Structures are given as structure tokens and as C-alpha cells.
Amino acid sequence: MISNLVLDPKLFKGLSISESSQAFYDWTITLSSRRQGRWGKPLHQVTLQDLAVHNRGMASNGIYIFYRTEGVLPHVMYVGKCTSRSFLERIPSHLESREECWFNTLTNRAMTWNNAIDSREAASDFCLANLSVAIIPIDCGDRDREKTSRVGLLERRLRDPKALNPAWNSCSTKVAGKVLDIESPLVDDLLYLEPREPVRPAL
């Protein structure tokens, strides 16, 4: 059984930057959680088995998207990547409430975003109750530099204000030396979504 956290990168094939948010919305309305009026499974209900997609033959690396569980729309809050650690390792680390932890990103952003959240413990609880996560498995090989770079470029494209425009880490800088516009391709020039034919030797 494929986890309902998994967003197939092929859903983005052929789309432009401006079409990515609609594709993400279209994916969320297919989830079983819509029957309960939620856009996704709250983080406090996500299991380790949900995140261990590599046990079901999928890539353990790729991109993850934290978004609001409730509301009129599934508003994206944060887009990140994991290329050296797996989803199973990376996603829970975002929710640390201890100040000395090096990767408590979500809790820190939640405190800055909402003044009513007055402690890291409350911020962690807020994220666990109010955010869901989507994971996009993308093979990075054995930390293959080219594949890792492509995942990073896709992450930055999804973070663009013309794409998913996450509230907590939006990014409008140049990507691969180019300023993105609404018609820029999202994935077609970045990911090997289909098996590539081996290069034939020159005669």
C-alpha cells in the first residue's frame, strides 16, 4: 500500500511554474482525509511507517512540503529537501522543541509567524496539530552530485512565489542563473522522470 503522503513527481510533468500550485491542490483533493474535511493527515497522526517509503520500493530522498491541514485551501508553509538523509530521518527533526537542536526549523518559523505562540514547545505542538506533509520521492543515487543538484533546483522552483510560494521559506532568487517567470518549466529540464536510453558509442 502506497502512503497517502506520497506525491508522484510525474504529476508535475509538462507543467509550468505557475501551474504547480494547481497540481498540488488537485493532489490534495484525492486524499482520503478530505472525507474528514482535512487536506491531509495531521503530523501527530503520521507514523514512521508512513515515512519509510523506501520499504515499499520508492526513493528515500527527495522533496517534502509542509502545508496547513485545515482551512479553505491547503496553504503551503514550507518546502524542503533531503538528499543525504531519508524522509524518515529528516521530517521528524523539524519538530524539535529543544533550543540546542540544530534542525528545529518549523518550530522556530512558527514562533516568528504567530506571536500567540510563546514557546518552542507550544510551536512544536502547533505544527504537529495543524500541519500535514507531502513527500516527493526522487532518486539521488548514492549521493550522486548531478541528481542531488537537480533535486535542489526543483526545491527552489517550488519555493518561488510564482509556484507554491511557501509562507515560511519563499524564494525568489535566480535558479541556475535564470530569473523564473510563470511559464518556466517546473521539472522537465531537471528530472529524469523516464528511464534514459544508454548513450550509444560513437562509430
Protein backbone atom coordinates (compact mmCIF):
# COMPACT_ATOMS: atom_id res chain seq x y z
CA MET A 1 0.00 0.00 0.00
CA ILE A 2 1.44 3.38 -1.03
CA SER A 3 1.38 6.01 1.69
CA ASN A 4 -1.13 8.79 1.09
CA LEU A 5 1.69 11.23 1.86
CA VAL A 6 3.37 10.49 -1.47
CA LEU A 7 3.10 12.95 -4.33
CA ASP A 8 4.40 11.41 -7.57
CA PRO A 9 6.80 13.84 -9.31
CA LYS A 10 5.28 12.76 -12.62
CA LEU A 11 2.21 14.81 -11.68
CA PHE A 12 4.34 17.88 -12.40
CA LYS A 13 5.49 16.65 -15.82
CA GLY A 14 4.86 19.16 -18.59
CA LEU A 15 3.72 21.89 -16.20
CA SER A 16 4.94 25.44 -15.87
CA ILE A 17 5.92 27.22 -12.66
CA SER A 18 2.51 28.88 -12.45
CA GLU A 19 0.66 25.55 -12.79
CA SER A 20 2.40 23.84 -9.88
CA SER A 21 0.07 25.16 -7.18
CA GLN A 22 -2.99 23.84 -9.03
CA ALA A 23 -1.31 20.45 -9.42
CA PHE A 24 -0.60 20.36 -5.69
CA TYR A 25 -4.22 21.30 -4.89
CA ASP A 26 -5.50 18.63 -7.31
CA TRP A 27 -3.39 16.05 -5.47
CA THR A 28 -4.69 17.06 -2.02
CA ILE A 29 -8.34 16.67 -3.03
CA THR A 30 -7.68 13.00 -3.87
CA LEU A 31 -6.58 12.18 -0.32
CA SER A 32 -8.80 10.13 1.98
CA SER A 33 -8.53 12.87 4.62
CA ARG A 34 -10.89 15.05 2.54
CA ARG A 35 -13.71 12.86 3.83
CA GLN A 36 -12.99 14.31 7.29
CA GLY A 37 -12.75 17.85 5.91
CA ARG A 38 -8.95 17.99 6.16
CA TRP A 39 -6.40 18.49 3.40
CA GLY A 40 -4.05 15.88 4.79
CA LYS A 41 -3.14 13.77 7.78
CA PRO A 42 -2.01 15.98 10.72
CA LEU A 43 1.64 15.43 11.60
CA HIS A 44 0.75 13.97 15.02
CA GLN A 45 -1.01 11.13 13.15
CA VAL A 46 1.82 10.43 10.69
CA THR A 47 3.58 7.17 11.52
CA LEU A 48 7.15 6.06 10.97
CA GLN A 49 5.76 3.51 8.54
CA ASP A 50 4.21 6.35 6.52
CA LEU A 51 7.66 7.93 6.15
CA ALA A 52 9.52 4.68 5.43
CA VAL A 53 8.56 4.74 1.75
CA HIS A 54 11.88 3.08 0.85
CA ASN A 55 10.44 -0.12 2.34
CA ARG A 56 7.90 -0.04 -0.49
CA GLY A 57 10.40 0.38 -3.30
CA MET A 58 10.34 4.19 -3.52
CA ALA A 59 13.27 6.55 -3.22
CA SER A 60 14.06 7.53 0.37
CA ASN A 61 15.21 11.02 -0.66
CA GLY A 62 13.55 13.93 -2.42
CA ILE A 63 11.40 16.92 -1.51
CA TYR A 64 8.87 17.43 1.26
CA ILE A 65 6.11 20.01 1.58
CA PHE A 66 4.57 21.08 4.89
CA TYR A 67 1.12 22.60 4.44
CA ARG A 68 -1.92 23.61 6.52
CA THR A 69 -4.20 20.71 7.39
CA GLU A 70 -7.31 22.86 7.84
CA GLY A 71 -8.62 25.93 6.04
CA VAL A 72 -10.20 27.00 2.79
CA LEU A 73 -7.13 25.87 0.83
CA PRO A 74 -4.11 23.66 1.66
CA HIS A 75 -1.77 26.62 2.09
CA VAL A 76 1.90 25.64 1.74
CA MET A 77 4.05 26.71 4.68
CA TYR A 78 7.50 25.22 3.99
CA VAL A 79 9.26 23.35 1.17
CA GLY A 80 12.46 21.42 1.89
CA LYS A 81 14.68 18.70 0.51
CA CYS A 82 16.54 15.72 1.87
CA THR A 83 19.30 14.33 -0.32
CA SER A 84 21.69 12.81 2.22
CA ARG A 85 19.17 11.82 4.91
CA SER A 86 15.93 9.93 4.34
CA PHE A 87 12.39 11.24 4.83
CA LEU A 88 12.24 9.03 7.91
CA GLU A 89 15.20 10.91 9.42
CA ARG A 90 14.64 14.45 8.19
CA ILE A 91 10.94 15.20 8.64
CA PRO A 92 10.66 14.47 12.41
CA SER A 93 13.76 16.59 13.12
CA HIS A 94 11.91 19.73 12.00
CA LEU A 95 9.61 19.42 15.01
CA GLU A 96 12.18 19.57 17.82
CA SER A 97 11.33 21.97 20.62
CA ARG A 98 14.76 21.99 22.27
CA GLU A 99 16.66 25.22 21.55
CA GLU A 100 20.01 23.46 21.20
CA CYS A 101 18.77 21.23 18.35
CA TRP A 102 20.29 22.20 15.02
CA PHE A 103 17.24 21.48 12.87
CA ASN A 104 14.13 22.74 14.66
CA THR A 105 13.18 24.84 11.64
CA LEU A 106 9.40 24.53 11.78
CA THR A 107 9.14 25.38 15.45
CA ASN A 108 11.30 28.48 15.02
CA ARG A 109 9.32 29.66 11.97
CA ALA A 110 6.01 29.05 13.74
CA MET A 111 7.06 31.26 16.66
CA THR A 112 8.05 34.08 14.31
CA TRP A 113 4.87 33.71 12.27
CA ASN A 114 2.38 33.63 15.16
CA ASN A 115 3.02 35.91 18.15
CA ALA A 116 0.48 33.95 20.18
CA ILE A 117 2.91 31.01 20.22
CA ASP A 118 5.16 31.89 23.13
CA SER A 119 7.45 28.87 23.45
CA ARG A 120 9.18 26.28 21.30
CA GLU A 121 7.14 23.57 23.00
CA ALA A 122 3.91 25.32 22.00
CA ALA A 123 5.29 25.85 18.49
CA SER A 124 6.07 22.16 18.13
CA ASP A 125 2.58 21.23 19.33
CA PHE A 126 1.05 23.75 16.90
CA CYS A 127 2.92 22.23 13.95
CA LEU A 128 2.04 18.68 14.98
CA ALA A 129 -1.66 19.53 15.19
CA ASN A 130 -2.04 21.93 12.26
CA LEU A 131 0.38 20.87 9.54
CA SER A 132 0.44 17.96 7.11
CA VAL A 133 3.29 16.78 4.91
CA ALA A 134 3.60 15.65 1.31
CA ILE A 135 6.72 13.82 0.19
CA ILE A 136 8.04 13.65 -3.38
CA PRO A 137 10.41 10.66 -3.68
CA ILE A 138 13.26 11.35 -6.12
CA ASP A 139 16.21 9.04 -6.55
CA CYS A 140 19.50 10.69 -5.61
CA GLY A 141 21.57 7.55 -6.19
CA ASP A 142 24.42 7.18 -3.74
CA ARG A 143 24.55 10.94 -3.15
CA ASP A 144 25.04 11.42 -6.88
CA ARG A 145 26.13 15.05 -7.34
CA GLU A 146 24.15 15.68 -10.51
CA LYS A 147 20.92 14.13 -9.18
CA THR A 148 21.32 15.91 -5.85
CA SER A 149 21.78 19.23 -7.65
CA ARG A 150 18.60 18.67 -9.69
CA VAL A 151 16.59 17.98 -6.54
CA GLY A 152 17.91 21.23 -5.06
CA LEU A 153 16.92 23.17 -8.17
CA LEU A 154 13.40 21.72 -8.12
CA GLU A 155 13.07 22.63 -4.44
CA ARG A 156 13.96 26.25 -5.23
CA ARG A 157 11.50 26.34 -8.12
CA LEU A 158 8.70 25.09 -5.89
CA ARG A 159 9.63 27.73 -3.29
CA ASP A 160 9.25 30.54 -5.83
CA PRO A 161 6.36 32.98 -5.21
CA LYS A 162 5.04 32.10 -8.68
CA ALA A 163 4.95 28.41 -7.71
CA LEU A 164 3.93 27.04 -4.28
CA ASN A 165 5.04 30.25 -2.50
CA PRO A 166 5.53 28.74 0.97
CA ALA A 167 4.84 31.18 3.80
CA TRP A 168 7.92 30.23 5.81
CA ASN A 169 10.67 29.92 3.17
CA SER A 170 9.59 31.51 -0.10
CA CYS A 171 12.46 32.11 -2.51
CA SER A 172 12.52 34.48 -5.48
CA THR A 173 16.23 34.36 -6.24
CA LYS A 174 17.69 33.20 -9.53
CA VAL A 175 17.64 29.46 -10.19
CA ALA A 176 20.55 28.11 -12.21
CA GLY A 177 21.39 31.70 -13.14
CA LYS A 178 17.92 32.43 -14.54
CA VAL A 179 15.07 34.51 -13.19
CA LEU A 180 11.93 32.40 -13.28
CA ASP A 181 8.73 33.53 -14.98
CA ILE A 182 5.28 31.98 -14.83
CA GLU A 183 5.86 29.93 -17.99
CA SER A 184 9.22 28.50 -16.87
CA PRO A 185 9.12 24.69 -16.94
CA LEU A 186 8.83 23.18 -13.50
CA VAL A 187 10.53 19.81 -13.88
CA ASP A 188 11.00 18.80 -17.49
CA ASP A 189 14.54 20.09 -17.75
CA LEU A 190 15.51 18.93 -14.24
CA LEU A 191 14.33 15.41 -13.56
CA TYR A 192 14.79 12.13 -15.35
CA LEU A 193 11.16 11.14 -14.98
CA GLU A 194 11.52 8.35 -17.54
CA PRO A 195 14.42 5.89 -17.89
CA ARG A 196 17.10 7.34 -20.12
CA GLU A 197 18.43 5.27 -23.01
CA PRO A 198 22.11 4.40 -22.69
CA VAL A 199 24.40 6.56 -24.77
CA ARG A 200 25.47 4.75 -27.90
CA PRO A 201 29.21 4.69 -28.54
CA ALA A 202 30.43 6.90 -31.37
CA LEU A 203 31.38 4.96 -34.53
